Amino acid sequence: MPRRKHHHVYVVELSPDVLFEPRFRKSNPDYIEGKPCVYVGMTGLDPDVRFDKHKAGIQANRYAQHAAAARSVRGLQPHAL
């Protein structure tokens, strides 16, 4: 029987300091003041393992690596793709 594919969607809360980075602001022109800054990703790994890889710089998003609040990953239910 083939292995069922599954992925986790995860959310990393970013530090509000990313709002001072012009590149981040340019990439998020519809940001609403007062809302949290987050990075949303999808992985076949456990969300905590993926968060550790972001922090270590392994296939990392620049903002998730440098501006992530400590241990701020929230994994959502895995789903089949």
N, C-alpha and C. Protein backbone atom coordinates (compact mmCIF):
# COMPACT_ATOMS: atom_id res chain seq x y z
N MET A 1 0.85 -1.17 0.00
CA MET A 1 0.00 0.00 0.00
C MET A 1 0.90 1.24 0.00
N PRO A 2 0.66 2.20 -0.89
CA PRO A 2 1.49 3.40 -0.93
C PRO A 2 1.31 4.25 0.32
N ARG A 3 2.39 4.89 0.69
CA ARG A 3 2.35 5.75 1.87
C ARG A 3 1.51 6.99 1.58
N ARG A 4 0.65 7.34 2.49
CA ARG A 4 -0.21 8.50 2.33
C ARG A 4 0.60 9.77 2.50
N LYS A 5 0.50 10.67 1.56
CA LYS A 5 1.21 11.94 1.66
C LYS A 5 0.46 12.83 2.65
N HIS A 6 1.21 13.50 3.47
CA HIS A 6 0.59 14.46 4.39
C HIS A 6 1.56 15.61 4.63
N HIS A 7 1.02 16.72 4.91
CA HIS A 7 1.82 17.91 5.19
C HIS A 7 1.20 18.65 6.36
N HIS A 8 2.03 19.36 7.07
CA HIS A 8 1.58 20.21 8.16
C HIS A 8 1.67 21.66 7.70
N VAL A 9 0.66 22.41 8.00
CA VAL A 9 0.72 23.86 7.82
C VAL A 9 1.08 24.42 9.19
N TYR A 10 2.04 25.33 9.23
CA TYR A 10 2.47 25.87 10.51
C TYR A 10 2.58 27.39 10.43
N VAL A 11 2.48 28.02 11.58
CA VAL A 11 2.53 29.47 11.68
C VAL A 11 3.61 29.84 12.67
N VAL A 12 4.51 30.73 12.25
CA VAL A 12 5.57 31.23 13.13
C VAL A 12 5.29 32.71 13.39
N GLU A 13 5.13 33.06 14.64
CA GLU A 13 4.93 34.47 14.98
C GLU A 13 6.27 35.19 14.91
N LEU A 14 6.27 36.30 14.18
CA LEU A 14 7.50 37.09 14.01
C LEU A 14 7.51 38.26 14.98
N SER A 15 8.69 38.71 15.29
CA SER A 15 8.86 39.89 16.12
C SER A 15 8.32 41.10 15.37
N PRO A 16 7.69 42.04 16.07
CA PRO A 16 7.23 43.27 15.41
C PRO A 16 8.37 44.08 14.78
N ASP A 17 9.61 43.76 15.15
CA ASP A 17 10.76 44.47 14.58
C ASP A 17 10.87 44.29 13.07
N VAL A 18 10.25 43.23 12.51
CA VAL A 18 10.32 43.04 11.06
C VAL A 18 9.64 44.18 10.31
N LEU A 19 8.76 44.89 11.00
CA LEU A 19 8.05 46.00 10.35
C LEU A 19 9.00 47.15 10.00
N PHE A 20 10.17 47.16 10.60
CA PHE A 20 11.15 48.21 10.30
C PHE A 20 12.05 47.84 9.12
N GLU A 21 11.87 46.64 8.57
CA GLU A 21 12.67 46.22 7.43
C GLU A 21 11.93 46.59 6.14
N PRO A 22 12.52 47.45 5.32
CA PRO A 22 11.85 47.89 4.09
C PRO A 22 11.43 46.73 3.18
N ARG A 23 12.26 45.71 3.08
CA ARG A 23 11.93 44.58 2.20
C ARG A 23 10.68 43.86 2.68
N PHE A 24 10.53 43.72 4.00
CA PHE A 24 9.35 43.07 4.56
C PHE A 24 8.11 43.92 4.29
N ARG A 25 8.21 45.22 4.53
CA ARG A 25 7.08 46.12 4.29
C ARG A 25 6.67 46.12 2.82
N LYS A 26 7.65 46.09 1.92
CA LYS A 26 7.37 46.08 0.49
C LYS A 26 6.65 44.79 0.08
N SER A 27 7.04 43.68 0.71
CA SER A 27 6.43 42.39 0.40
C SER A 27 5.05 42.23 1.03
N ASN A 28 4.72 43.07 1.99
CA ASN A 28 3.44 42.98 2.71
C ASN A 28 2.75 44.34 2.73
N PRO A 29 2.39 44.88 1.56
CA PRO A 29 1.84 46.24 1.50
C PRO A 29 0.47 46.37 2.17
N ASP A 30 -0.26 45.27 2.33
CA ASP A 30 -1.60 45.34 2.92
C ASP A 30 -1.60 45.05 4.42
N TYR A 31 -0.41 45.09 5.04
CA TYR A 31 -0.33 44.83 6.48
C TYR A 31 -1.22 45.82 7.23
N ILE A 32 -1.97 45.32 8.20
CA ILE A 32 -2.86 46.15 9.02
C ILE A 32 -2.19 46.38 10.37
N GLU A 33 -1.97 47.65 10.72
CA GLU A 33 -1.34 48.00 12.00
C GLU A 33 -2.06 47.31 13.16
N GLY A 34 -1.27 46.78 14.08
CA GLY A 34 -1.82 46.13 15.26
C GLY A 34 -1.99 44.62 15.11
N LYS A 35 -1.99 44.13 13.88
CA LYS A 35 -2.11 42.68 13.67
C LYS A 35 -0.73 42.04 13.87
N PRO A 36 -0.71 40.77 14.29
CA PRO A 36 0.59 40.12 14.46
C PRO A 36 1.26 39.87 13.12
N CYS A 37 2.57 39.82 13.13
CA CYS A 37 3.35 39.48 11.95
C CYS A 37 3.62 37.99 12.02
N VAL A 38 3.27 37.27 10.97
CA VAL A 38 3.45 35.82 10.97
C VAL A 38 4.05 35.34 9.65
N TYR A 39 4.69 34.19 9.73
CA TYR A 39 5.16 33.46 8.56
C TYR A 39 4.37 32.16 8.54
N VAL A 40 3.77 31.82 7.41
CA VAL A 40 3.01 30.58 7.28
C VAL A 40 3.76 29.67 6.32
N GLY A 41 3.97 28.44 6.74
CA GLY A 41 4.69 27.49 5.91
C GLY A 41 3.99 26.14 5.88
N MET A 42 4.47 25.28 5.00
CA MET A 42 3.95 23.93 4.90
C MET A 42 5.14 22.97 4.83
N THR A 43 5.03 21.86 5.53
CA THR A 43 6.14 20.91 5.60
C THR A 43 5.63 19.48 5.79
N GLY A 44 6.43 18.54 5.38
CA GLY A 44 6.15 17.14 5.66
C GLY A 44 6.74 16.71 6.99
N LEU A 45 7.51 17.59 7.60
CA LEU A 45 8.12 17.31 8.90
C LEU A 45 7.19 17.72 10.03
N ASP A 46 7.55 17.33 11.24
CA ASP A 46 6.85 17.83 12.42
C ASP A 46 7.11 19.34 12.49
N PRO A 47 6.09 20.16 12.78
CA PRO A 47 6.29 21.61 12.81
C PRO A 47 7.41 22.07 13.75
N ASP A 48 7.60 21.40 14.88
CA ASP A 48 8.68 21.79 15.79
C ASP A 48 10.06 21.53 15.18
N VAL A 49 10.18 20.42 14.44
CA VAL A 49 11.44 20.11 13.77
C VAL A 49 11.70 21.16 12.69
N ARG A 50 10.67 21.52 11.94
CA ARG A 50 10.84 22.52 10.87
C ARG A 50 11.22 23.87 11.47
N PHE A 51 10.62 24.23 12.60
CA PHE A 51 10.96 25.49 13.27
C PHE A 51 12.44 25.50 13.65
N ASP A 52 12.93 24.38 14.19
CA ASP A 52 14.34 24.29 14.56
C ASP A 52 15.23 24.47 13.33
N LYS A 53 14.80 23.93 12.19
CA LYS A 53 15.58 24.10 10.96
C LYS A 53 15.58 25.55 10.50
N HIS A 54 14.44 26.23 10.65
CA HIS A 54 14.41 27.66 10.31
C HIS A 54 15.43 28.41 11.17
N LYS A 55 15.40 28.17 12.46
CA LYS A 55 16.30 28.87 13.38
C LYS A 55 17.77 28.56 13.09
N ALA A 56 18.04 27.34 12.60
CA ALA A 56 19.41 26.95 12.28
C ALA A 56 19.85 27.42 10.90
N GLY A 57 18.92 27.97 10.13
CA GLY A 57 19.26 28.46 8.80
C GLY A 57 19.21 27.39 7.72
N ILE A 58 18.62 26.24 8.01
CA ILE A 58 18.52 25.16 7.03
C ILE A 58 17.24 25.34 6.23
N GLN A 59 17.37 25.64 4.93
CA GLN A 59 16.22 25.94 4.06
C GLN A 59 15.29 26.92 4.75
N ALA A 60 15.86 27.97 5.28
CA ALA A 60 15.12 28.88 6.14
C ALA A 60 14.61 30.11 5.40
N ASN A 61 13.44 30.53 5.79
CA ASN A 61 12.94 31.82 5.39
C ASN A 61 13.69 32.86 6.21
N ARG A 62 14.11 33.92 5.56
CA ARG A 62 14.92 34.95 6.23
C ARG A 62 14.25 35.49 7.49
N TYR A 63 12.97 35.77 7.42
CA TYR A 63 12.27 36.35 8.56
C TYR A 63 12.00 35.31 9.65
N ALA A 64 11.66 34.10 9.25
CA ALA A 64 11.43 33.05 10.25
C ALA A 64 12.72 32.70 10.98
N GLN A 65 13.85 32.86 10.30
CA GLN A 65 15.14 32.55 10.93
C GLN A 65 15.55 33.63 11.93
N HIS A 66 15.45 34.89 11.53
CA HIS A 66 15.99 35.97 12.35
C HIS A 66 14.98 36.68 13.24
N ALA A 67 13.72 36.71 12.85
CA ALA A 67 12.76 37.52 13.59
C ALA A 67 11.71 36.70 14.31
N ALA A 68 11.87 35.38 14.36
CA ALA A 68 10.88 34.54 15.03
C ALA A 68 10.95 34.74 16.53
N ALA A 69 9.78 34.88 17.13
CA ALA A 69 9.71 34.92 18.58
C ALA A 69 10.09 33.52 19.07
N ALA A 70 10.68 33.43 20.23
CA ALA A 70 11.18 32.14 20.73
C ALA A 70 10.05 31.11 20.82
N ARG A 71 10.26 29.96 20.22
CA ARG A 71 9.34 28.81 20.24
C ARG A 71 7.90 29.23 19.95
N SER A 72 7.71 29.96 18.87
CA SER A 72 6.39 30.49 18.57
C SER A 72 5.71 29.76 17.42
N VAL A 73 6.02 28.49 17.24
CA VAL A 73 5.42 27.75 16.13
C VAL A 73 4.09 27.13 16.56
N ARG A 74 3.12 27.22 15.70
CA ARG A 74 1.83 26.57 15.94
C ARG A 74 1.54 25.69 14.74
N GLY A 75 1.46 24.40 14.96
CA GLY A 75 1.14 23.48 13.87
C GLY A 75 -0.36 23.32 13.75
N LEU A 76 -0.83 23.29 12.53
CA LEU A 76 -2.25 23.04 12.29
C LEU A 76 -2.40 21.59 11.88
N GLN A 77 -3.59 21.10 11.80
CA GLN A 77 -3.84 19.70 11.50
C GLN A 77 -3.21 19.31 10.16
N PRO A 78 -2.55 18.15 10.10
CA PRO A 78 -1.99 17.70 8.82
C PRO A 78 -3.13 17.40 7.86
N HIS A 79 -2.85 17.58 6.59
CA HIS A 79 -3.87 17.27 5.58
C HIS A 79 -3.21 16.60 4.38
N ALA A 80 -3.96 15.84 3.69
CA ALA A 80 -3.45 15.15 2.50
C ALA A 80 -3.43 16.11 1.33
N LEU A 81 -2.39 16.01 0.52
CA LEU A 81 -2.31 16.83 -0.70
C LEU A 81 -2.39 15.95 -1.91
